[in-house]
Amino acid sequence: MAIKHKDLKKVVSELEGAVKAHGRQAKTIKQHIVDMGSPMKMKKSPKLLKLSAGCKAAARRKFKVYPSAYANMWASKTQKKGKC
């Protein structure tokens, strides 16, 4: 279920009228609304990227068993360094 900006703005307005603690929560939600609205901030994390074919091939050459935890870890670290 996706939460719409209108719903969040309504929650913010209700929280702002309450005590200081809720005011801080409202400020946090406002920042999330701003972040959701700008596509520039929606970049993929390097941890979520798939392994490239070159890194997989290098891991297959280096390790006897692929896929394995060690081979995948080595391939992901090598890819992050930009070596494959």
C-alpha atoms as a PDB file:
ATOM      1  CA  MET A   1       0.000   0.000   0.000  1.00  0.00           C
ATOM      2  CA  ALA A   2       1.528   3.274  -1.103  1.00  0.00           C
ATOM      3  CA  ILE A   3       1.116   6.337   1.062  1.00  0.00           C
ATOM      4  CA  LYS A   4       0.246   9.458  -0.872  1.00  0.00           C
ATOM      5  CA  HIS A   5       1.843  12.821  -0.285  1.00  0.00           C
ATOM      6  CA  LYS A   6      -1.557  14.279   0.615  1.00  0.00           C
ATOM      7  CA  ASP A   7      -1.963  11.787   3.444  1.00  0.00           C
ATOM      8  CA  LEU A   8       1.493  12.559   4.782  1.00  0.00           C
ATOM      9  CA  LYS A   9       0.892  16.297   4.601  1.00  0.00           C
ATOM     10  CA  LYS A  10      -2.286  15.856   6.619  1.00  0.00           C
ATOM     11  CA  VAL A  11      -0.363  13.906   9.282  1.00  0.00           C
ATOM     12  CA  VAL A  12       2.301  16.624   9.366  1.00  0.00           C
ATOM     13  CA  SER A  13      -0.263  19.347   9.933  1.00  0.00           C
ATOM     14  CA  GLU A  14      -1.839  17.371  12.779  1.00  0.00           C
ATOM     15  CA  LEU A  15       1.537  16.679  14.412  1.00  0.00           C
ATOM     16  CA  GLU A  16       2.636  20.313  14.205  1.00  0.00           C
ATOM     17  CA  GLY A  17      -0.265  21.347  16.387  1.00  0.00           C
ATOM     18  CA  ALA A  18       0.810  19.003  19.175  1.00  0.00           C
ATOM     19  CA  VAL A  19       3.715  19.063  21.647  1.00  0.00           C
ATOM     20  CA  LYS A  20       7.413  19.496  20.786  1.00  0.00           C
ATOM     21  CA  ALA A  21       8.073  15.786  20.350  1.00  0.00           C
ATOM     22  CA  HIS A  22       5.391  15.579  17.691  1.00  0.00           C
ATOM     23  CA  GLY A  23       6.753  18.723  16.089  1.00  0.00           C
ATOM     24  CA  ARG A  24      10.096  16.944  15.591  1.00  0.00           C
ATOM     25  CA  GLN A  25       8.265  13.994  14.081  1.00  0.00           C
ATOM     26  CA  ALA A  26       6.474  16.350  11.724  1.00  0.00           C
ATOM     27  CA  LYS A  27       9.818  17.821  10.660  1.00  0.00           C
ATOM     28  CA  THR A  28      11.159  14.333   9.918  1.00  0.00           C
ATOM     29  CA  ILE A  29       8.106  13.428   7.863  1.00  0.00           C
ATOM     30  CA  LYS A  30       8.381  16.693   5.921  1.00  0.00           C
ATOM     31  CA  GLN A  31      11.968  15.796   5.036  1.00  0.00           C
ATOM     32  CA  HIS A  32      10.811  12.374   3.826  1.00  0.00           C
ATOM     33  CA  ILE A  33       8.189  14.036   1.633  1.00  0.00           C
ATOM     34  CA  VAL A  34      10.885  16.226   0.099  1.00  0.00           C
ATOM     35  CA  ASP A  35      13.147  13.209  -0.439  1.00  0.00           C
ATOM     36  CA  MET A  36      10.366  11.213  -2.095  1.00  0.00           C
ATOM     37  CA  GLY A  37       9.605  14.056  -4.438  1.00  0.00           C
ATOM     38  CA  SER A  38      13.101  14.506  -5.834  1.00  0.00           C
ATOM     39  CA  PRO A  39      14.232  11.801  -8.267  1.00  0.00           C
ATOM     40  CA  MET A  40      17.880  12.804  -7.872  1.00  0.00           C
ATOM     41  CA  LYS A  41      18.008  11.325  -4.375  1.00  0.00           C
ATOM     42  CA  MET A  42      16.583   7.978  -5.469  1.00  0.00           C
ATOM     43  CA  LYS A  43      19.867   6.350  -6.404  1.00  0.00           C
ATOM     44  CA  LYS A  44      20.467   2.653  -6.033  1.00  0.00           C
ATOM     45  CA  SER A  45      22.700   1.555  -3.238  1.00  0.00           C
ATOM     46  CA  PRO A  46      25.897  -0.201  -4.352  1.00  0.00           C
ATOM     47  CA  LYS A  47      24.864  -3.095  -2.134  1.00  0.00           C
ATOM     48  CA  LEU A  48      21.758  -3.657  -4.251  1.00  0.00           C
ATOM     49  CA  LEU A  49      23.563  -3.797  -7.601  1.00  0.00           C
ATOM     50  CA  LYS A  50      23.864  -7.121  -9.374  1.00  0.00           C
ATOM     51  CA  LEU A  51      27.245  -8.672 -10.019  1.00  0.00           C
ATOM     52  CA  SER A  52      28.547  -7.989 -13.503  1.00  0.00           C
ATOM     53  CA  ALA A  53      29.214 -10.855 -15.879  1.00  0.00           C
ATOM     54  CA  GLY A  54      32.938 -10.094 -15.838  1.00  0.00           C
ATOM     55  CA  CYS A  55      33.137 -10.355 -12.055  1.00  0.00           C
ATOM     56  CA  LYS A  56      31.216 -13.614 -12.094  1.00  0.00           C
ATOM     57  CA  ALA A  57      33.571 -15.026 -14.715  1.00  0.00           C
ATOM     58  CA  ALA A  58      36.609 -13.924 -12.714  1.00  0.00           C
ATOM     59  CA  ALA A  59      35.180 -15.585  -9.602  1.00  0.00           C
ATOM     60  CA  ARG A  60      34.580 -18.801 -11.552  1.00  0.00           C
ATOM     61  CA  ARG A  61      38.230 -18.804 -12.651  1.00  0.00           C
ATOM     62  CA  LYS A  62      39.545 -18.031  -9.180  1.00  0.00           C
ATOM     63  CA  PHE A  63      37.416 -20.428  -7.089  1.00  0.00           C
ATOM     64  CA  LYS A  64      36.761 -24.134  -7.602  1.00  0.00           C
ATOM     65  CA  VAL A  65      33.116 -23.828  -6.556  1.00  0.00           C
ATOM     66  CA  TYR A  66      30.892 -21.081  -7.900  1.00  0.00           C
ATOM     67  CA  PRO A  67      28.438 -19.931  -6.655  1.00  0.00           C
ATOM     68  CA  SER A  68      29.687 -19.992  -3.110  1.00  0.00           C
ATOM     69  CA  ALA A  69      29.720 -17.479  -0.292  1.00  0.00           C
ATOM     70  CA  TYR A  70      33.449 -16.844  -0.621  1.00  0.00           C
ATOM     71  CA  ALA A  71      33.326 -16.478  -4.402  1.00  0.00           C
ATOM     72  CA  ASN A  72      30.360 -14.085  -4.262  1.00  0.00           C
ATOM     73  CA  MET A  73      31.995 -12.023  -1.516  1.00  0.00           C
ATOM     74  CA  TRP A  74      35.234 -11.775  -3.512  1.00  0.00           C
ATOM     75  CA  ALA A  75      33.348 -10.852  -6.692  1.00  0.00           C
ATOM     76  CA  SER A  76      31.305  -8.157  -4.981  1.00  0.00           C
ATOM     77  CA  LYS A  77      34.377  -6.618  -3.311  1.00  0.00           C
ATOM     78  CA  THR A  78      36.255  -6.697  -6.595  1.00  0.00           C
ATOM     79  CA  GLN A  79      33.349  -5.034  -8.387  1.00  0.00           C
ATOM     80  CA  LYS A  80      33.125  -2.296  -5.749  1.00  0.00           C
ATOM     81  CA  LYS A  81      36.826  -1.579  -6.278  1.00  0.00           C
ATOM     82  CA  GLY A  82      36.129  -1.297 -10.009  1.00  0.00           C
ATOM     83  CA  LYS A  83      38.580  -4.005 -11.009  1.00  0.00           C
ATOM     84  CA  CYS A  84      36.189  -6.012 -13.170  1.00  0.00           C
END
